C-alpha atoms as a PDB file:
ATOM      1  CA  UNK A   1      97.092  93.682 101.297  1.00  0.00           C
ATOM      2  CA  UNK A   2      99.837  93.587  98.631  1.00  0.00           C
ATOM      3  CA  UNK A   3     100.568  90.466  96.658  1.00  0.00           C
ATOM      4  CA  UNK A   4     103.600  88.634  97.959  1.00  0.00           C
ATOM      5  CA  UNK A   5     106.584  88.195  95.698  1.00  0.00           C
ATOM      6  CA  UNK A   6     107.765  84.629  95.311  1.00  0.00           C
ATOM      7  CA  UNK A   7     110.882  83.621  97.193  1.00  0.00           C
ATOM      8  CA  UNK A   8     114.069  83.929  95.201  1.00  0.00           C
ATOM      9  CA  UNK A   9     112.319  85.566  92.258  1.00  0.00           C
ATOM     10  CA  UNK A  10     113.908  88.132  90.007  1.00  0.00           C
ATOM     11  CA  UNK A  11     111.166  90.537  91.085  1.00  0.00           C
ATOM     12  CA  UNK A  12     112.192  90.109  94.728  1.00  0.00           C
ATOM     13  CA  UNK A  13     115.821  90.786  93.874  1.00  0.00           C
ATOM     14  CA  UNK A  14     114.840  93.845  91.843  1.00  0.00           C
ATOM     15  CA  UNK A  15     112.687  95.158  94.693  1.00  0.00           C
ATOM     16  CA  UNK A  16     115.566  94.714  97.148  1.00  0.00           C
ATOM     17  CA  UNK A  17     117.947  96.602  94.848  1.00  0.00           C
ATOM     18  CA  UNK A  18     115.386  99.330  94.177  1.00  0.00           C
ATOM     19  CA  UNK A  19     114.841  99.807  97.928  1.00  0.00           C
ATOM     20  CA  UNK A  20     118.625 100.021  98.358  1.00  0.00           C
ATOM     21  CA  UNK A  21     118.855 102.694  95.640  1.00  0.00           C
ATOM     22  CA  UNK A  22     116.011 104.635  97.252  1.00  0.00           C
ATOM     23  CA  UNK A  23     117.881 104.677 100.556  1.00  0.00           C
ATOM     24  CA  UNK A  24     121.126 105.680  98.836  1.00  0.00           C
ATOM     25  CA  UNK A  25     119.303 108.523  97.038  1.00  0.00           C
ATOM     26  CA  UNK A  26     118.073 109.759 100.421  1.00  0.00           C
ATOM     27  CA  UNK A  27     121.572 109.704 101.931  1.00  0.00           C
ATOM     28  CA  UNK A  28     121.211 106.628 104.155  1.00  0.00           C
ATOM     29  CA  UNK A  29     124.409 105.822 106.008  1.00  0.00           C
ATOM     30  CA  UNK A  30     126.189 102.482 105.452  1.00  0.00           C
ATOM     31  CA  UNK A  31     123.371 100.624 103.674  1.00  0.00           C
ATOM     32  CA  UNK A  32     123.822  96.860 103.608  1.00  0.00           C
ATOM     33  CA  UNK A  33     121.752  94.376 101.593  1.00  0.00           C
ATOM     34  CA  UNK A  34     121.926  90.812 102.929  1.00  0.00           C
ATOM     35  CA  UNK A  35     120.625  87.806 101.008  1.00  0.00           C
ATOM     36  CA  UNK A  36     119.203  85.553 103.720  1.00  0.00           C
ATOM     37  CA  UNK A  37     117.088  83.368 101.448  1.00  0.00           C
ATOM     38  CA  UNK A  38     118.988  80.184 102.339  1.00  0.00           C
ATOM     39  CA  UNK A  39     118.782  80.861 106.075  1.00  0.00           C
ATOM     40  CA  UNK A  40     115.313  82.250 106.641  1.00  0.00           C
ATOM     41  CA  UNK A  41     111.690  81.430 105.989  1.00  0.00           C
ATOM     42  CA  UNK A  42     110.394  84.939 106.745  1.00  0.00           C
ATOM     43  CA  UNK A  43     112.283  86.910 104.067  1.00  0.00           C
ATOM     44  CA  UNK A  44     114.810  86.635 101.255  1.00  0.00           C
ATOM     45  CA  UNK A  45     116.615  89.915 101.932  1.00  0.00           C
ATOM     46  CA  UNK A  46     117.391  92.170 104.876  1.00  0.00           C
ATOM     47  CA  UNK A  47     118.241  95.747 104.075  1.00  0.00           C
ATOM     48  CA  UNK A  48     119.950  97.538 106.955  1.00  0.00           C
ATOM     49  CA  UNK A  49     120.842 101.238 106.978  1.00  0.00           C
ATOM     50  CA  UNK A  50     121.365 104.135 109.348  1.00  0.00           C
ATOM     51  CA  UNK A  51     120.090 107.670 109.436  1.00  0.00           C
ATOM     52  CA  UNK A  52     121.991 110.506 111.014  1.00  0.00           C
ATOM     53  CA  UNK A  53     119.144 111.322 113.431  1.00  0.00           C
ATOM     54  CA  UNK A  54     115.635 110.205 114.322  1.00  0.00           C
ATOM     55  CA  UNK A  55     114.305 112.748 111.822  1.00  0.00           C
ATOM     56  CA  UNK A  56     116.497 111.262 109.083  1.00  0.00           C
ATOM     57  CA  UNK A  57     115.419 107.702 109.982  1.00  0.00           C
ATOM     58  CA  UNK A  58     111.758 108.762 109.776  1.00  0.00           C
ATOM     59  CA  UNK A  59     112.453 110.405 106.426  1.00  0.00           C
ATOM     60  CA  UNK A  60     114.133 107.251 105.099  1.00  0.00           C
ATOM     61  CA  UNK A  61     111.168 105.137 106.236  1.00  0.00           C
ATOM     62  CA  UNK A  62     108.767 107.499 104.521  1.00  0.00           C
ATOM     63  CA  UNK A  63     110.835 107.431 101.326  1.00  0.00           C
ATOM     64  CA  UNK A  64     110.797 103.627 100.978  1.00  0.00           C
ATOM     65  CA  UNK A  65     107.104 103.419 101.922  1.00  0.00           C
ATOM     66  CA  UNK A  66     106.148 106.021  99.340  1.00  0.00           C
ATOM     67  CA  UNK A  67     108.399 104.558  96.646  1.00  0.00           C
ATOM     68  CA  UNK A  68     106.876 101.059  96.817  1.00  0.00           C
ATOM     69  CA  UNK A  69     103.453 101.246  98.507  1.00  0.00           C
ATOM     70  CA  UNK A  70     102.149  98.326  96.466  1.00  0.00           C
ATOM     71  CA  UNK A  71     104.656  95.979  98.174  1.00  0.00           C
ATOM     72  CA  UNK A  72     104.496  97.405 101.709  1.00  0.00           C
ATOM     73  CA  UNK A  73     102.830  95.217 104.329  1.00  0.00           C
ATOM     74  CA  UNK A  74     103.484  97.644 107.195  1.00  0.00           C
ATOM     75  CA  UNK A  75     105.970  99.542 109.330  1.00  0.00           C
ATOM     76  CA  UNK A  76     106.802  99.651 113.017  1.00  0.00           C
ATOM     77  CA  UNK A  77     108.781 102.098 115.138  1.00  0.00           C
ATOM     78  CA  UNK A  78     108.014 105.322 113.302  1.00  0.00           C
ATOM     79  CA  UNK A  79     106.933 107.242 116.393  1.00  0.00           C
ATOM     80  CA  UNK A  80     110.339 107.046 118.104  1.00  0.00           C
ATOM     81  CA  UNK A  81     112.253 106.543 114.821  1.00  0.00           C
ATOM     82  CA  UNK A  82     115.289 105.038 116.551  1.00  0.00           C
ATOM     83  CA  UNK A  83     114.664 101.693 114.822  1.00  0.00           C
ATOM     84  CA  UNK A  84     112.076 101.476 112.068  1.00  0.00           C
ATOM     85  CA  UNK A  85     111.172  98.194 110.394  1.00  0.00           C
ATOM     86  CA  UNK A  86     109.416  98.237 107.023  1.00  0.00           C
ATOM     87  CA  UNK A  87     108.016  94.898 105.866  1.00  0.00           C
ATOM     88  CA  UNK A  88     107.943  94.410 102.114  1.00  0.00           C
ATOM     89  CA  UNK A  89     107.238  90.688 102.388  1.00  0.00           C
ATOM     90  CA  UNK A  90     110.346  89.099 100.908  1.00  0.00           C
ATOM     91  CA  UNK A  91     112.428  92.159 101.819  1.00  0.00           C
ATOM     92  CA  UNK A  92     112.593  93.559 105.352  1.00  0.00           C
ATOM     93  CA  UNK A  93     114.113  97.006 105.788  1.00  0.00           C
ATOM     94  CA  UNK A  94     115.709  97.960 109.130  1.00  0.00           C
ATOM     95  CA  UNK A  95     116.516 101.642 109.645  1.00  0.00           C
ATOM     96  CA  UNK A  96     118.438 102.755 112.713  1.00  0.00           C
ATOM     97  CA  UNK A  97     120.001 105.730 114.401  1.00  0.00           C
ATOM     98  CA  UNK A  98     123.726 104.853 114.711  1.00  0.00           C
ATOM     99  CA  UNK A  99     123.566 104.069 118.449  1.00  0.00           C
ATOM    100  CA  UNK A 100     120.758 101.525 118.045  1.00  0.00           C
ATOM    101  CA  UNK A 101     122.391  99.952 114.992  1.00  0.00           C
ATOM    102  CA  UNK A 102     125.562  99.398 116.999  1.00  0.00           C
ATOM    103  CA  UNK A 103     123.575  98.051 119.954  1.00  0.00           C
ATOM    104  CA  UNK A 104     121.520  95.484 118.020  1.00  0.00           C
ATOM    105  CA  UNK A 105     124.224  94.743 115.419  1.00  0.00           C
ATOM    106  CA  UNK A 106     122.028  92.794 112.997  1.00  0.00           C
ATOM    107  CA  UNK A 107     124.958  92.469 110.610  1.00  0.00           C
ATOM    108  CA  UNK A 108     126.797  90.319 113.141  1.00  0.00           C
ATOM    109  CA  UNK A 109     123.688  88.309 113.948  1.00  0.00           C
ATOM    110  CA  UNK A 110     123.319  87.312 110.289  1.00  0.00           C
ATOM    111  CA  UNK A 111     127.057  86.866 109.579  1.00  0.00           C
ATOM    112  CA  UNK A 112     127.560  83.516 111.329  1.00  0.00           C
ATOM    113  CA  UNK A 113     127.358  80.348 109.287  1.00  0.00           C
ATOM    114  CA  UNK A 114     124.275  78.350 110.119  1.00  0.00           C
ATOM    115  CA  UNK A 115     124.799  74.738 111.247  1.00  0.00           C
ATOM    116  CA  UNK A 116     123.388  71.936 109.144  1.00  0.00           C
ATOM    117  CA  UNK A 117     120.191  70.366 110.425  1.00  0.00           C
ATOM    118  CA  UNK A 118     120.935  67.325 112.504  1.00  0.00           C
ATOM    119  CA  UNK A 119     118.397  64.576 112.719  1.00  0.00           C
END
């Protein structure tokens, strides 16, 4: 199992940016890197991108997995390749075909301000 990167670390930020560049190099559509570190305990960054087809999504998932195997905890969804999640610990990559990205709309889910904790 890979060593986890510490939350908010420069290494985590660099990994997130490197994953983004990998997706851009492989022609991912509309990549979006969201810093969720102040709103989430499971990750610091979400990286969301689309492929043009299930084959392209599978190719994008393979590219990020092969580029950073030392940080990869696992992937899900590769068999159908309509929505693939790659877990890099502090960075979670979501890869979609356009129809599924529009359906689940993670960008909107993470765009709302979070209410302050009330006690």
